[in-house]
Amino acid sequence: MTIGIVAKITIQEGKSEEAIAAFQPLLAAVEDEAGTVRYILHTDPANPELLWFYEQYADQAAFDAHGTSDTMKAVGMSLRTIAAGRPEITILNVVGGKNV
């Protein structure tokens, strides 16, 4: 079953650009992850301290591999001094839509 993820990441005031830069290695790494269908970082025009990800994985194994990758671990460590708390993660089952 295809898995969708919406992740909301609150960043400390004034550190959004630093956070976006910290995500760049991960954005590059997902290009080579088998089973990662979509991995899109968004800024929130109403709140510069919010970053949003939409993620889509072919299956649970792909989601698990992404979450335990060395790049994910390294980026997670770098965000500890930038984020204003833990990400809020919502896991969804994709049932249909355009380009699914």
N, C-alpha and C. Protein backbone atom coordinates (compact mmCIF):
# COMPACT_ATOMS: atom_id res chain seq x y z
N MET A 1 0.85 -1.18 0.00
CA MET A 1 0.00 0.00 0.00
C MET A 1 0.89 1.24 0.00
N THR A 2 0.54 2.20 -0.82
CA THR A 2 1.27 3.45 -0.88
C THR A 2 1.01 4.27 0.38
N ILE A 3 2.07 4.87 0.92
CA ILE A 3 1.98 5.63 2.16
C ILE A 3 2.24 7.09 1.87
N GLY A 4 1.41 7.96 2.42
CA GLY A 4 1.62 9.40 2.35
C GLY A 4 1.96 9.93 3.73
N ILE A 5 2.78 10.94 3.77
CA ILE A 5 3.19 11.56 5.03
C ILE A 5 3.04 13.07 4.89
N VAL A 6 2.49 13.70 5.91
CA VAL A 6 2.54 15.15 6.03
C VAL A 6 3.31 15.42 7.32
N ALA A 7 4.39 16.17 7.19
CA ALA A 7 5.21 16.50 8.36
C ALA A 7 5.24 18.01 8.53
N LYS A 8 4.94 18.45 9.74
CA LYS A 8 4.97 19.87 10.10
C LYS A 8 6.15 20.08 11.04
N ILE A 9 7.06 20.99 10.65
CA ILE A 9 8.25 21.23 11.43
C ILE A 9 8.27 22.71 11.82
N THR A 10 8.24 22.97 13.10
CA THR A 10 8.30 24.34 13.60
C THR A 10 9.76 24.68 13.86
N ILE A 11 10.19 25.81 13.32
CA ILE A 11 11.57 26.25 13.41
C ILE A 11 11.67 27.43 14.37
N GLN A 12 12.78 27.54 15.06
CA GLN A 12 12.99 28.67 15.94
C GLN A 12 12.97 29.97 15.13
N GLU A 13 12.50 31.02 15.76
CA GLU A 13 12.36 32.32 15.09
C GLU A 13 13.69 32.75 14.46
N GLY A 14 13.60 33.14 13.19
CA GLY A 14 14.77 33.64 12.48
C GLY A 14 15.70 32.57 11.93
N LYS A 15 15.34 31.29 12.07
CA LYS A 15 16.23 30.22 11.64
C LYS A 15 15.69 29.39 10.47
N SER A 16 14.66 29.91 9.80
CA SER A 16 14.05 29.14 8.71
C SER A 16 15.02 28.90 7.56
N GLU A 17 15.76 29.92 7.17
CA GLU A 17 16.71 29.75 6.06
C GLU A 17 17.79 28.74 6.43
N GLU A 18 18.23 28.76 7.67
CA GLU A 18 19.21 27.78 8.14
C GLU A 18 18.63 26.36 8.09
N ALA A 19 17.37 26.23 8.44
CA ALA A 19 16.71 24.92 8.40
C ALA A 19 16.57 24.42 6.96
N ILE A 20 16.17 25.31 6.06
CA ILE A 20 16.04 24.92 4.65
C ILE A 20 17.40 24.46 4.12
N ALA A 21 18.45 25.16 4.47
CA ALA A 21 19.79 24.75 4.05
C ALA A 21 20.17 23.39 4.65
N ALA A 22 19.77 23.14 5.89
CA ALA A 22 20.08 21.87 6.55
C ALA A 22 19.40 20.70 5.86
N PHE A 23 18.25 20.95 5.23
CA PHE A 23 17.51 19.88 4.54
C PHE A 23 18.08 19.56 3.16
N GLN A 24 18.94 20.37 2.62
CA GLN A 24 19.42 20.15 1.25
C GLN A 24 20.07 18.79 1.03
N PRO A 25 20.92 18.30 1.94
CA PRO A 25 21.49 16.96 1.72
C PRO A 25 20.42 15.87 1.66
N LEU A 26 19.37 16.02 2.44
CA LEU A 26 18.29 15.04 2.43
C LEU A 26 17.49 15.12 1.13
N LEU A 27 17.23 16.34 0.68
CA LEU A 27 16.52 16.51 -0.59
C LEU A 27 17.30 15.88 -1.74
N ALA A 28 18.61 15.97 -1.69
CA ALA A 28 19.45 15.34 -2.71
C ALA A 28 19.45 13.82 -2.57
N ALA A 29 19.53 13.33 -1.33
CA ALA A 29 19.64 11.89 -1.09
C ALA A 29 18.38 11.13 -1.51
N VAL A 30 17.21 11.73 -1.34
CA VAL A 30 15.98 11.00 -1.66
C VAL A 30 15.86 10.72 -3.16
N GLU A 31 16.61 11.45 -3.97
CA GLU A 31 16.60 11.18 -5.42
C GLU A 31 17.02 9.76 -5.71
N ASP A 32 17.86 9.18 -4.86
CA ASP A 32 18.37 7.83 -5.07
C ASP A 32 17.71 6.78 -4.20
N GLU A 33 16.70 7.16 -3.42
CA GLU A 33 16.02 6.20 -2.57
C GLU A 33 14.96 5.43 -3.36
N ALA A 34 15.16 4.13 -3.47
CA ALA A 34 14.15 3.29 -4.12
C ALA A 34 12.88 3.32 -3.28
N GLY A 35 11.76 3.55 -3.91
CA GLY A 35 10.50 3.54 -3.21
C GLY A 35 10.05 4.88 -2.67
N THR A 36 10.91 5.90 -2.70
CA THR A 36 10.48 7.24 -2.34
C THR A 36 9.89 7.87 -3.60
N VAL A 37 8.59 8.05 -3.61
CA VAL A 37 7.88 8.53 -4.79
C VAL A 37 7.90 10.05 -4.86
N ARG A 38 7.59 10.69 -3.75
CA ARG A 38 7.59 12.16 -3.65
C ARG A 38 8.18 12.56 -2.31
N TYR A 39 8.93 13.65 -2.34
CA TYR A 39 9.53 14.19 -1.12
C TYR A 39 9.67 15.68 -1.36
N ILE A 40 8.72 16.44 -0.87
CA ILE A 40 8.61 17.84 -1.24
C ILE A 40 8.60 18.71 0.02
N LEU A 41 9.54 19.65 0.08
CA LEU A 41 9.62 20.60 1.18
C LEU A 41 8.85 21.86 0.79
N HIS A 42 8.03 22.35 1.72
CA HIS A 42 7.23 23.55 1.51
C HIS A 42 7.51 24.56 2.61
N THR A 43 7.46 25.85 2.26
CA THR A 43 7.43 26.89 3.28
C THR A 43 5.98 27.31 3.44
N ASP A 44 5.68 27.91 4.57
CA ASP A 44 4.32 28.35 4.86
C ASP A 44 4.26 29.87 4.71
N PRO A 45 3.53 30.37 3.71
CA PRO A 45 3.51 31.82 3.48
C PRO A 45 2.89 32.60 4.64
N ALA A 46 2.10 31.96 5.46
CA ALA A 46 1.46 32.63 6.59
C ALA A 46 2.33 32.61 7.84
N ASN A 47 3.35 31.73 7.87
CA ASN A 47 4.18 31.60 9.06
C ASN A 47 5.58 31.15 8.65
N PRO A 48 6.56 32.05 8.65
CA PRO A 48 7.90 31.68 8.20
C PRO A 48 8.61 30.67 9.10
N GLU A 49 8.07 30.43 10.28
CA GLU A 49 8.69 29.44 11.17
C GLU A 49 8.11 28.04 10.99
N LEU A 50 7.27 27.85 9.99
CA LEU A 50 6.73 26.51 9.72
C LEU A 50 7.26 26.00 8.38
N LEU A 51 7.74 24.78 8.41
CA LEU A 51 8.10 24.06 7.20
C LEU A 51 7.22 22.82 7.13
N TRP A 52 6.82 22.47 5.94
CA TRP A 52 5.95 21.32 5.71
C TRP A 52 6.61 20.39 4.69
N PHE A 53 6.50 19.11 4.92
CA PHE A 53 6.90 18.12 3.93
C PHE A 53 5.67 17.34 3.50
N TYR A 54 5.59 17.06 2.20
CA TYR A 54 4.68 16.03 1.73
C TYR A 54 5.57 14.93 1.20
N GLU A 55 5.33 13.72 1.67
CA GLU A 55 6.14 12.58 1.29
C GLU A 55 5.22 11.46 0.83
N GLN A 56 5.70 10.70 -0.12
CA GLN A 56 4.94 9.53 -0.57
C GLN A 56 5.93 8.40 -0.82
N TYR A 57 5.59 7.23 -0.29
CA TYR A 57 6.44 6.05 -0.39
C TYR A 57 5.66 4.90 -1.01
N ALA A 58 6.36 4.08 -1.77
CA ALA A 58 5.72 2.95 -2.44
C ALA A 58 5.15 1.94 -1.44
N ASP A 59 5.81 1.82 -0.28
CA ASP A 59 5.36 0.84 0.71
C ASP A 59 6.04 1.12 2.06
N GLN A 60 5.71 0.32 3.04
CA GLN A 60 6.26 0.50 4.39
C GLN A 60 7.77 0.34 4.40
N ALA A 61 8.28 -0.59 3.63
CA ALA A 61 9.73 -0.83 3.60
C ALA A 61 10.46 0.42 3.11
N ALA A 62 9.93 1.09 2.10
CA ALA A 62 10.56 2.31 1.60
C ALA A 62 10.51 3.42 2.64
N PHE A 63 9.40 3.53 3.33
CA PHE A 63 9.26 4.53 4.40
C PHE A 63 10.26 4.26 5.51
N ASP A 64 10.36 3.00 5.91
CA ASP A 64 11.30 2.63 6.97
C ASP A 64 12.74 2.89 6.56
N ALA A 65 13.09 2.57 5.31
CA ALA A 65 14.45 2.79 4.82
C ALA A 65 14.79 4.27 4.83
N HIS A 66 13.86 5.10 4.43
CA HIS A 66 14.09 6.55 4.45
C HIS A 66 14.34 7.03 5.88
N GLY A 67 13.49 6.61 6.79
CA GLY A 67 13.56 7.08 8.17
C GLY A 67 14.81 6.65 8.91
N THR A 68 15.46 5.59 8.45
CA THR A 68 16.65 5.09 9.12
C THR A 68 17.94 5.33 8.33
N SER A 69 17.84 6.11 7.26
CA SER A 69 19.02 6.37 6.42
C SER A 69 20.04 7.21 7.19
N ASP A 70 21.28 7.08 6.82
CA ASP A 70 22.34 7.86 7.45
C ASP A 70 22.13 9.35 7.23
N THR A 71 21.65 9.72 6.04
CA THR A 71 21.40 11.14 5.76
C THR A 71 20.30 11.68 6.65
N MET A 72 19.23 10.92 6.83
CA MET A 72 18.13 11.35 7.71
C MET A 72 18.64 11.54 9.13
N LYS A 73 19.46 10.62 9.59
CA LYS A 73 20.01 10.74 10.95
C LYS A 73 20.87 11.98 11.09
N ALA A 74 21.72 12.26 10.09
CA ALA A 74 22.60 13.43 10.15
C ALA A 74 21.80 14.74 10.11
N VAL A 75 20.80 14.79 9.25
CA VAL A 75 19.97 16.00 9.17
C VAL A 75 19.20 16.18 10.47
N GLY A 76 18.68 15.11 11.01
CA GLY A 76 17.97 15.18 12.29
C GLY A 76 18.84 15.76 13.39
N MET A 77 20.09 15.36 13.42
CA MET A 77 21.02 15.89 14.43
C MET A 77 21.25 17.38 14.21
N SER A 78 21.39 17.80 12.97
CA SER A 78 21.65 19.22 12.70
C SER A 78 20.45 20.09 13.02
N LEU A 79 19.25 19.52 12.99
CA LEU A 79 18.05 20.30 13.28
C LEU A 79 17.81 20.50 14.77
N ARG A 80 18.51 19.78 15.60
CA ARG A 80 18.29 19.89 17.05
C ARG A 80 18.49 21.31 17.58
N THR A 81 19.36 22.07 16.96
CA THR A 81 19.61 23.44 17.41
C THR A 81 18.81 24.47 16.62
N ILE A 82 18.01 24.01 15.66
CA ILE A 82 17.24 24.90 14.79
C ILE A 82 15.75 24.76 15.02
N ALA A 83 15.30 23.53 15.20
CA ALA A 83 13.86 23.26 15.36
C ALA A 83 13.38 23.74 16.73
N ALA A 84 12.09 24.03 16.78
CA ALA A 84 11.47 24.48 18.03
C ALA A 84 10.74 23.34 18.72
N GLY A 85 11.06 22.13 18.35
CA GLY A 85 10.43 20.95 18.93
C GLY A 85 10.48 19.81 17.93
N ARG A 86 9.84 18.73 18.29
CA ARG A 86 9.82 17.55 17.41
C ARG A 86 8.84 17.78 16.26
N PRO A 87 9.12 17.21 15.10
CA PRO A 87 8.17 17.33 13.98
C PRO A 87 6.84 16.66 14.33
N GLU A 88 5.77 17.20 13.78
CA GLU A 88 4.45 16.57 13.89
C GLU A 88 4.25 15.78 12.60
N ILE A 89 4.11 14.46 12.73
CA ILE A 89 4.02 13.57 11.58
C ILE A 89 2.62 12.97 11.51
N THR A 90 2.01 13.06 10.33
CA THR A 90 0.73 12.40 10.08
C THR A 90 0.95 11.38 8.98
N ILE A 91 0.62 10.12 9.25
CA ILE A 91 0.76 9.03 8.28
C ILE A 91 -0.59 8.76 7.65
N LEU A 92 -0.59 8.69 6.32
CA LEU A 92 -1.83 8.54 5.55
C LEU A 92 -1.72 7.35 4.60
N ASN A 93 -2.84 6.75 4.26
CA ASN A 93 -2.88 5.75 3.20
C ASN A 93 -3.40 6.43 1.95
N VAL A 94 -2.63 6.36 0.88
CA VAL A 94 -3.04 6.97 -0.39
C VAL A 94 -4.10 6.08 -1.04
N VAL A 95 -5.23 6.68 -1.41
CA VAL A 95 -6.30 5.91 -2.05
C VAL A 95 -6.53 6.31 -3.50
N GLY A 96 -6.00 7.43 -3.94
CA GLY A 96 -6.17 7.81 -5.34
C GLY A 96 -5.90 9.29 -5.54
N GLY A 97 -5.88 9.68 -6.80
CA GLY A 97 -5.65 11.08 -7.16
C GLY A 97 -4.75 11.18 -8.36
N LYS A 98 -4.47 12.39 -8.76
CA LYS A 98 -3.65 12.66 -9.94
C LYS A 98 -2.20 12.22 -9.68
N ASN A 99 -1.61 11.57 -10.64
CA ASN A 99 -0.20 11.11 -10.58
C ASN A 99 0.06 10.13 -9.45
N VAL A 100 -0.92 9.40 -9.04
CA VAL A 100 -0.73 8.39 -8.00
C VAL A 100 -0.43 7.06 -8.65
